[in-house]
Amino acid sequence: MRQHFTAKALTWTVMIFFFSAFLLLSLRNLAWQGFVLTLLVPAAIWLLTNWMGSRFHIDTLLFSLTNFLCALGILILYDTNPSLAYHQAVYYAAGLVGMVICIYIVRIFPTMRILSYLFIALSLGCLALPLVIGRETYGAKNWIYLGPVSIQPSEFVKLSLILVLAWFMSHRRFVPWLVCAIGCLGLLMLQKDLGTALLYYSVTLLLFFASSANLPLTALGLLGGCGAAVLGYRMFAHVKKRVAIWINPWSDYDNAGYQIVQGLMALASGSLLGMGLGLGSPTTIPVYETDFIFAVICEQFGLIFGVCVLLIYVAIVWRGATIAMASRHAFQGLVAMGATLMIGLQTFVIIGGVIKLIPLTGVTLPFVSSGGSSLVSSMCMSGLIQGVASLNEDDLAEDLRLTQVD
């Protein structure tokens, strides 16, 4: 009851916030599309929260938090590039469909074991596509282009990898998940997509520890990961450049260091309370809509608001971990934990890069950054967690029924 009240209050707070924000931007630009978003975004949040909650018995608090982040991304993009915001709204709708599909997949996966081997083949096949028909972007060959549409297969392979790892680890079958993980990592190394490889490796290692509690092998895997990082640094020139710029971005301010410096200046100019929605110079940051959207948020809304966004991600990780630990089945618990780890680690990697805590890797901020592959993938990972949450509710309902019968 208390969680339900908290989720309901949060939903109304989110609705009021975005109604006010979109209305301010619409009055400034006097664009009819903005007035449509002013009404559509809050209404969609309310309708979806109530419908999903009643239809699937999902975790409404988690759903409200992810809705806030998705709407925040649309708001920031509408302020800086309205066409990107309209596309993001379409991707959000596609992500909701993907979320529902993932809820069903979690529920039917244990009854269709052939899916585990099918997903191994799909994972390796999808990651091999960019090597054949892909195009190199920012040093990595990890995108495929189908006419005007661009797709990053590694975003969707995250989902199949989590399901494969969870299934075979829960059944104590070492070889299949190890072959899948090594194959995926090898293909990512060939693509030079080291940021995604870092996420894949970290999630695999942490899930292995969660399923086995084998500290010596986990420590050995950690050492192996450190060795692979050193090897990647020596092999790839763009990695060396990123590390050098991380150490001192002002040494090459006009070229490689320009993005990081502009991002840091945006963080500083926002101060504690921000310059205000629609103010500042976010477009001076290269690729601000994906890699550095957190810097744009802090510039306009302030560092206090930025900390609140970080706390929302912490709350999402906390809810995901709680759902995982509440599961009575190893497979479902590992699925929820894997999706939670993927969201949490990706958030740390990209925000850590923006604030210069770690070298920038070029991954996106889950739910917020512009891009169809990223947003749909993030919503689908949330769907995996929600699928486990709905099964937990089914287990509790069954316990209640048996108690009443007795």
Protein backbone atom coordinates (compact mmCIF):
# COMPACT_ATOMS: atom_id res chain seq x y z
CA MET A 1 0.00 0.00 0.00
CA ARG A 2 2.78 2.42 0.92
CA GLN A 3 4.69 1.66 -2.30
CA HIS A 4 1.47 2.13 -4.31
CA PHE A 5 0.89 5.56 -2.73
CA THR A 6 4.52 6.57 -3.38
CA ALA A 7 4.29 5.47 -7.04
CA LYS A 8 0.99 7.34 -7.50
CA ALA A 9 2.39 10.53 -5.96
CA LEU A 10 5.52 10.26 -8.11
CA THR A 11 3.41 9.79 -11.25
CA TRP A 12 1.44 12.97 -10.57
CA THR A 13 4.63 14.88 -9.78
CA VAL A 14 6.17 13.75 -13.06
CA MET A 15 3.03 14.71 -14.99
CA ILE A 16 2.93 18.22 -13.50
CA PHE A 17 6.67 18.73 -14.09
CA PHE A 18 6.53 17.85 -17.78
CA PHE A 19 3.25 19.67 -18.40
CA SER A 20 4.84 22.86 -17.05
CA ALA A 21 8.16 22.35 -18.86
CA PHE A 22 6.65 21.64 -22.28
CA LEU A 23 4.15 24.48 -21.85
CA LEU A 24 6.97 26.97 -21.17
CA LEU A 25 8.88 25.85 -24.25
CA SER A 26 5.71 25.93 -26.37
CA LEU A 27 4.85 29.47 -25.29
CA ARG A 28 8.38 30.55 -26.16
CA ASN A 29 8.40 28.95 -29.63
CA LEU A 30 4.63 29.15 -30.33
CA ALA A 31 4.84 25.81 -32.18
CA TRP A 32 1.70 23.66 -32.30
CA GLN A 33 3.80 20.50 -31.96
CA GLY A 34 4.97 21.72 -28.57
CA PHE A 35 1.41 22.19 -27.34
CA VAL A 36 0.62 18.66 -28.50
CA LEU A 37 3.55 17.31 -26.46
CA THR A 38 2.41 19.46 -23.51
CA LEU A 39 -0.80 17.44 -23.36
CA LEU A 40 0.37 14.15 -24.82
CA VAL A 41 3.39 13.41 -22.60
CA PRO A 42 1.63 13.78 -19.21
CA ALA A 43 -1.46 11.96 -20.50
CA ALA A 44 0.66 9.11 -21.86
CA ILE A 45 2.49 8.79 -18.53
CA TRP A 46 -0.80 8.55 -16.60
CA LEU A 47 -2.50 6.15 -19.01
CA LEU A 48 0.49 3.87 -19.39
CA THR A 49 1.22 3.67 -15.68
CA ASN A 50 -2.37 2.71 -14.88
CA TRP A 51 -2.79 0.32 -17.81
CA MET A 52 0.52 -1.47 -17.37
CA GLY A 53 -0.02 -1.71 -13.63
CA SER A 54 -3.45 -3.31 -13.97
CA ARG A 55 -2.62 -5.51 -16.95
CA PHE A 56 0.72 -7.00 -15.90
CA HIS A 57 0.98 -6.27 -12.15
CA ILE A 58 4.29 -4.53 -12.82
CA ASP A 59 6.35 -2.54 -10.34
CA THR A 60 4.68 0.86 -10.76
CA LEU A 61 7.42 2.71 -8.89
CA LEU A 62 10.07 1.41 -11.29
CA PHE A 63 7.83 2.18 -14.25
CA SER A 64 7.27 5.77 -13.04
CA LEU A 65 11.02 6.32 -12.66
CA THR A 66 11.81 5.05 -16.16
CA ASN A 67 8.96 7.13 -17.58
CA PHE A 68 10.44 10.23 -15.97
CA LEU A 69 13.84 9.62 -17.57
CA CYS A 70 12.32 8.94 -21.00
CA ALA A 71 10.19 12.10 -20.84
CA LEU A 72 13.22 14.09 -19.63
CA GLY A 73 15.14 12.96 -22.72
CA ILE A 74 12.28 14.05 -24.99
CA LEU A 75 12.09 17.41 -23.19
CA ILE A 76 15.82 18.15 -23.54
CA LEU A 77 15.80 17.11 -27.19
CA TYR A 78 12.72 19.22 -27.92
CA ASP A 79 14.50 22.26 -26.53
CA THR A 80 17.64 21.72 -28.61
CA ASN A 81 16.39 19.89 -31.72
CA PRO A 82 12.61 19.36 -32.06
CA SER A 83 12.93 16.85 -34.90
CA LEU A 84 15.04 14.60 -32.67
CA ALA A 85 12.37 14.90 -29.96
CA TYR A 86 9.63 13.73 -32.33
CA HIS A 87 11.74 10.75 -33.37
CA GLN A 88 12.51 10.02 -29.72
CA ALA A 89 8.78 9.98 -28.93
CA VAL A 90 8.26 7.39 -31.68
CA TYR A 91 11.15 5.29 -30.34
CA TYR A 92 9.61 5.53 -26.87
CA ALA A 93 6.37 4.06 -28.22
CA ALA A 94 8.38 1.28 -29.88
CA GLY A 95 10.21 0.75 -26.59
CA LEU A 96 6.91 0.26 -24.77
CA VAL A 97 5.98 -2.44 -27.26
CA GLY A 98 9.40 -4.01 -26.71
CA MET A 99 8.85 -3.84 -22.94
CA VAL A 100 5.58 -5.79 -23.22
CA ILE A 101 7.26 -8.38 -25.46
CA CYS A 102 10.10 -8.81 -22.95
CA ILE A 103 7.60 -9.27 -20.11
CA TYR A 104 6.07 -12.15 -22.06
CA ILE A 105 9.50 -13.59 -22.96
CA VAL A 106 10.47 -13.80 -19.29
CA ARG A 107 7.22 -15.61 -18.56
CA ILE A 108 7.48 -18.18 -21.38
CA PHE A 109 11.27 -18.70 -21.53
CA PRO A 110 11.40 -21.57 -18.99
CA THR A 111 8.84 -23.53 -21.05
CA MET A 112 10.74 -23.07 -24.34
CA ARG A 113 14.31 -24.16 -23.68
CA ILE A 114 15.18 -24.11 -27.36
CA LEU A 115 15.14 -20.29 -27.09
CA SER A 116 18.44 -20.38 -25.18
CA TYR A 117 20.33 -21.89 -28.14
CA LEU A 118 18.42 -19.74 -30.62
CA PHE A 119 19.45 -16.62 -28.72
CA ILE A 120 23.11 -17.69 -28.78
CA ALA A 121 22.96 -17.92 -32.57
CA LEU A 122 21.09 -14.61 -32.85
CA SER A 123 23.59 -12.86 -30.56
CA LEU A 124 26.63 -13.95 -32.53
CA GLY A 125 24.93 -13.38 -35.88
CA CYS A 126 23.77 -9.85 -35.02
CA LEU A 127 27.20 -8.84 -33.72
CA ALA A 128 28.85 -10.18 -36.87
CA LEU A 129 26.66 -8.01 -39.15
CA PRO A 130 28.53 -4.71 -38.61
CA LEU A 131 31.79 -6.41 -39.54
CA VAL A 132 30.26 -7.37 -42.88
CA ILE A 133 28.00 -4.44 -43.83
CA GLY A 134 28.74 -1.89 -41.08
CA ARG A 135 30.32 1.53 -41.19
CA GLU A 136 33.03 2.86 -38.88
CA THR A 137 31.94 5.70 -36.58
CA TYR A 138 34.23 7.39 -34.02
CA GLY A 139 36.77 4.59 -34.33
CA ALA A 140 34.31 1.69 -33.90
CA LYS A 141 32.57 -0.33 -36.61
CA ASN A 142 29.38 -1.10 -34.69
CA TRP A 143 26.53 0.36 -36.77
CA ILE A 144 24.61 -0.96 -39.76
CA TYR A 145 22.67 1.36 -42.08
CA LEU A 146 19.49 0.32 -43.87
CA GLY A 147 18.65 3.33 -46.00
CA PRO A 148 17.82 6.21 -43.63
CA VAL A 149 17.63 3.87 -40.63
CA SER A 150 20.70 3.14 -38.50
CA ILE A 151 20.82 0.26 -36.02
CA GLN A 152 23.37 -0.70 -33.39
CA PRO A 153 22.98 -4.48 -33.02
CA SER A 154 25.02 -4.63 -29.81
CA GLU A 155 22.24 -2.73 -28.01
CA PHE A 156 19.74 -5.53 -28.66
CA VAL A 157 22.23 -8.33 -28.09
CA LYS A 158 22.42 -7.11 -24.48
CA LEU A 159 18.96 -8.59 -24.00
CA SER A 160 19.69 -11.99 -25.52
CA LEU A 161 23.01 -12.18 -23.68
CA ILE A 162 21.30 -11.60 -20.33
CA LEU A 163 18.72 -14.31 -21.05
CA VAL A 164 21.37 -16.79 -22.19
CA LEU A 165 23.62 -16.13 -19.20
CA ALA A 166 20.73 -16.36 -16.76
CA TRP A 167 19.41 -19.61 -18.23
CA PHE A 168 22.64 -21.58 -18.38
CA MET A 169 24.03 -20.18 -15.13
CA SER A 170 20.82 -21.10 -13.31
CA HIS A 171 21.18 -24.66 -14.63
CA ARG A 172 24.91 -24.84 -13.79
CA ARG A 173 25.89 -25.36 -17.43
CA PHE A 174 29.24 -23.63 -17.78
CA VAL A 175 30.26 -24.22 -21.40
CA PRO A 176 27.29 -22.73 -23.37
CA TRP A 177 27.24 -19.35 -21.63
CA LEU A 178 31.03 -19.13 -21.70
CA VAL A 179 31.09 -19.79 -25.46
CA CYS A 180 28.40 -17.15 -26.01
CA ALA A 181 30.16 -14.56 -23.85
CA ILE A 182 33.59 -15.13 -25.41
CA GLY A 183 32.10 -15.04 -28.92
CA CYS A 184 30.30 -11.75 -28.22
CA LEU A 185 33.38 -10.17 -26.67
CA GLY A 186 35.57 -11.29 -29.56
CA LEU A 187 33.22 -9.76 -32.13
CA LEU A 188 33.04 -6.52 -30.15
CA MET A 189 36.83 -6.37 -30.04
CA LEU A 190 36.91 -6.79 -33.82
CA GLN A 191 34.43 -3.90 -34.07
CA LYS A 192 36.69 -1.87 -31.73
CA ASP A 193 33.61 -1.20 -29.60
CA LEU A 194 35.41 -1.38 -26.27
CA GLY A 195 32.77 0.51 -24.28
CA THR A 196 30.11 -2.11 -25.00
CA ALA A 197 32.66 -4.89 -24.51
CA LEU A 198 33.34 -3.49 -21.02
CA LEU A 199 29.61 -3.66 -20.21
CA TYR A 200 29.24 -7.21 -21.55
CA TYR A 201 32.27 -8.45 -19.64
CA SER A 202 31.32 -6.75 -16.37
CA VAL A 203 27.74 -8.04 -16.42
CA THR A 204 28.92 -11.57 -17.26
CA LEU A 205 31.46 -11.58 -14.45
CA LEU A 206 29.05 -10.17 -11.85
CA LEU A 207 26.28 -12.57 -12.87
CA PHE A 208 28.70 -15.46 -12.57
CA PHE A 209 29.53 -14.39 -9.02
CA ALA A 210 25.83 -13.92 -8.20
CA SER A 211 25.01 -17.43 -9.44
CA SER A 212 28.01 -19.28 -8.02
CA ALA A 213 29.51 -17.16 -5.20
CA ASN A 214 32.89 -18.39 -6.48
CA LEU A 215 35.22 -15.63 -5.34
CA PRO A 216 38.54 -17.10 -6.65
CA LEU A 217 37.25 -17.52 -10.23
CA THR A 218 35.59 -14.10 -10.09
CA ALA A 219 38.87 -12.51 -8.96
CA LEU A 220 40.66 -14.35 -11.77
CA GLY A 221 38.11 -12.99 -14.23
CA LEU A 222 38.66 -9.50 -12.87
CA LEU A 223 42.41 -9.81 -13.44
CA GLY A 224 41.74 -11.09 -16.94
CA GLY A 225 39.55 -8.08 -17.63
CA CYS A 226 42.31 -5.73 -16.47
CA GLY A 227 44.74 -7.50 -18.78
CA ALA A 228 42.30 -7.18 -21.69
CA ALA A 229 41.95 -3.45 -20.97
CA VAL A 230 45.72 -2.99 -21.14
CA LEU A 231 45.82 -5.00 -24.37
CA GLY A 232 43.04 -2.88 -25.88
CA TYR A 233 44.92 0.27 -24.93
CA ARG A 234 48.04 -0.93 -26.73
CA MET A 235 46.20 -2.23 -29.80
CA PHE A 236 43.82 0.63 -30.65
CA ALA A 237 44.97 4.17 -31.39
CA HIS A 238 41.57 5.74 -30.60
CA VAL A 239 41.70 4.22 -27.10
CA LYS A 240 45.13 5.76 -26.48
CA LYS A 241 43.78 9.11 -27.64
CA ARG A 242 40.77 8.89 -25.30
CA VAL A 243 42.98 8.09 -22.31
CA ALA A 244 45.35 10.95 -23.15
CA ILE A 245 42.44 13.40 -23.48
CA TRP A 246 40.96 12.12 -20.23
CA ILE A 247 44.22 12.91 -18.42
CA ASN A 248 44.49 16.41 -19.90
CA PRO A 249 41.72 17.51 -22.30
CA TRP A 250 43.05 21.09 -22.38
CA SER A 251 46.24 19.89 -24.06
CA ASP A 252 44.29 19.49 -27.32
CA TYR A 253 41.34 21.78 -26.67
CA ASP A 254 40.72 22.70 -30.32
CA ASN A 255 40.53 19.09 -31.49
CA ALA A 256 40.19 15.86 -29.50
CA GLY A 257 39.71 17.56 -26.12
CA TYR A 258 37.03 19.98 -27.31
CA GLN A 259 34.06 17.75 -26.41
CA ILE A 260 35.16 17.03 -22.85
CA VAL A 261 36.10 20.65 -22.17
CA GLN A 262 32.77 21.94 -23.48
CA GLY A 263 30.98 19.36 -21.35
CA LEU A 264 32.85 20.45 -18.22
CA MET A 265 32.12 24.10 -19.01
CA ALA A 266 28.41 23.26 -19.33
CA LEU A 267 28.49 21.58 -15.91
CA ALA A 268 30.21 24.62 -14.41
CA SER A 269 27.94 27.18 -16.06
CA GLY A 270 24.86 25.38 -14.78
CA SER A 271 26.07 25.79 -11.19
CA LEU A 272 23.69 24.53 -8.48
CA LEU A 273 20.35 25.75 -9.84
CA GLY A 274 20.97 25.83 -13.59
CA MET A 275 20.66 28.51 -16.23
CA GLY A 276 17.03 27.68 -16.95
CA LEU A 277 15.13 25.54 -19.42
CA GLY A 278 15.91 26.67 -22.96
CA LEU A 279 18.97 28.67 -21.91
CA GLY A 280 22.68 27.96 -22.13
CA SER A 281 24.63 26.72 -25.15
CA PRO A 282 24.10 22.94 -25.25
CA THR A 283 24.64 22.65 -28.99
CA THR A 284 28.27 23.75 -28.64
CA ILE A 285 29.02 20.30 -27.19
CA PRO A 286 29.74 17.78 -29.97
CA VAL A 287 27.27 14.86 -29.91
CA TYR A 288 25.45 16.54 -27.01
CA GLU A 289 22.27 14.58 -27.74
CA THR A 290 23.81 11.19 -26.96
CA ASP A 291 27.15 11.07 -25.13
CA PHE A 292 26.84 14.38 -23.27
CA ILE A 293 23.13 14.79 -22.63
CA PHE A 294 23.79 14.65 -18.88
CA ALA A 295 25.94 17.79 -19.20
CA VAL A 296 23.05 19.51 -21.00
CA ILE A 297 20.66 18.53 -18.19
CA CYS A 298 23.02 19.96 -15.56
CA GLU A 299 23.57 23.17 -17.53
CA GLN A 300 19.86 23.90 -17.81
CA PHE A 301 18.54 22.51 -14.52
CA GLY A 302 21.63 22.68 -12.32
CA LEU A 303 23.87 20.28 -10.43
CA ILE A 304 21.24 19.70 -7.73
CA PHE A 305 18.82 18.45 -10.37
CA GLY A 306 21.66 16.41 -11.90
CA VAL A 307 22.22 14.71 -8.54
CA CYS A 308 18.49 13.98 -8.39
CA VAL A 309 18.73 12.30 -11.80
CA LEU A 310 21.59 10.20 -10.47
CA LEU A 311 19.45 9.26 -7.46
CA ILE A 312 16.69 8.14 -9.84
CA TYR A 313 19.15 5.74 -11.46
CA VAL A 314 20.18 4.56 -7.98
CA ALA A 315 16.50 3.96 -7.18
CA ILE A 316 16.07 1.99 -10.42
CA VAL A 317 19.06 -0.19 -9.54
CA TRP A 318 17.73 -0.63 -6.01
CA ARG A 319 14.28 -1.66 -7.24
CA GLY A 320 15.77 -4.02 -9.82
CA ALA A 321 18.01 -5.67 -7.23
CA THR A 322 15.08 -5.96 -4.82
CA ILE A 323 12.96 -7.64 -7.50
CA ALA A 324 15.81 -10.01 -8.34
CA MET A 325 16.36 -11.03 -4.73
CA ALA A 326 12.61 -11.49 -4.17
CA SER A 327 12.38 -14.02 -7.00
CA ARG A 328 11.99 -17.67 -6.00
CA HIS A 329 13.52 -19.01 -9.20
CA ALA A 330 17.20 -18.77 -10.09
CA PHE A 331 16.63 -18.00 -13.78
CA GLN A 332 14.22 -15.14 -13.13
CA GLY A 333 16.38 -13.68 -10.38
CA LEU A 334 19.45 -13.71 -12.61
CA VAL A 335 17.50 -12.10 -15.48
CA ALA A 336 16.40 -9.22 -13.26
CA MET A 337 19.88 -8.86 -11.79
CA GLY A 338 21.52 -8.93 -15.23
CA ALA A 339 19.24 -6.23 -16.63
CA THR A 340 19.73 -4.14 -13.49
CA LEU A 341 23.51 -4.47 -13.72
CA MET A 342 23.48 -3.51 -17.40
CA ILE A 343 21.48 -0.33 -16.72
CA GLY A 344 23.50 0.59 -13.65
CA LEU A 345 26.94 -0.04 -15.15
CA GLN A 346 26.07 1.77 -18.38
CA THR A 347 24.89 4.78 -16.37
CA PHE A 348 28.11 4.81 -14.35
CA VAL A 349 30.31 4.48 -17.45
CA ILE A 350 28.72 7.35 -19.39
CA ILE A 351 28.22 9.79 -16.50
CA GLY A 352 31.70 8.93 -15.18
CA GLY A 353 33.07 9.88 -18.60
CA VAL A 354 31.10 13.14 -18.74
CA ILE A 355 32.33 14.33 -15.33
CA LYS A 356 35.88 13.14 -16.14
CA LEU A 357 35.91 10.43 -13.48
CA ILE A 358 36.90 7.78 -16.06
CA PRO A 359 37.86 7.92 -19.76
CA LEU A 360 34.88 8.56 -22.04
CA THR A 361 33.71 5.38 -23.79
CA GLY A 362 30.90 6.67 -25.98
CA VAL A 363 27.99 4.63 -24.61
CA THR A 364 24.58 6.26 -24.17
CA LEU A 365 22.72 7.33 -21.04
CA PRO A 366 19.90 4.76 -20.58
CA PHE A 367 16.35 6.06 -21.28
CA VAL A 368 17.54 9.64 -21.88
CA SER A 369 20.03 9.81 -24.78
CA SER A 370 18.79 10.27 -28.32
CA GLY A 371 18.68 7.16 -30.47
CA GLY A 372 16.25 4.39 -31.29
CA SER A 373 18.55 1.46 -30.56
CA SER A 374 19.53 2.82 -27.16
CA LEU A 375 16.03 3.81 -25.99
CA VAL A 376 14.30 0.64 -27.20
CA SER A 377 17.03 -1.51 -25.67
CA SER A 378 16.77 0.31 -22.33
CA MET A 379 12.98 -0.08 -22.29
CA CYS A 380 13.33 -3.77 -23.12
CA MET A 381 15.78 -4.27 -20.24
CA SER A 382 13.25 -2.59 -18.00
CA GLY A 383 10.73 -5.04 -19.45
CA LEU A 384 12.89 -7.98 -18.36
CA ILE A 385 12.88 -6.63 -14.80
CA GLN A 386 9.14 -5.98 -14.95
CA GLY A 387 8.53 -9.51 -16.21
CA VAL A 388 10.23 -10.90 -13.11
CA ALA A 389 8.29 -8.43 -10.92
CA SER A 390 4.99 -9.65 -12.39
CA LEU A 391 5.96 -13.28 -11.72
CA ASN A 392 6.84 -12.36 -8.14
CA GLU A 393 3.36 -10.90 -7.77
CA ASP A 394 1.86 -14.10 -9.20
CA ASP A 395 3.79 -16.13 -6.61
CA LEU A 396 2.48 -13.92 -3.81
CA ALA A 397 -1.08 -14.18 -5.13
CA GLU A 398 -0.75 -17.98 -5.23
CA ASP A 399 0.52 -18.02 -1.65
CA LEU A 400 -2.46 -15.92 -0.59
CA ARG A 401 -4.86 -18.27 -2.39
CA LEU A 402 -3.35 -21.34 -0.72
CA THR A 403 -3.50 -19.63 2.66
CA GLN A 404 -7.20 -18.87 2.20
CA VAL A 405 -7.88 -22.46 1.12
CA ASP A 406 -6.14 -23.83 4.22
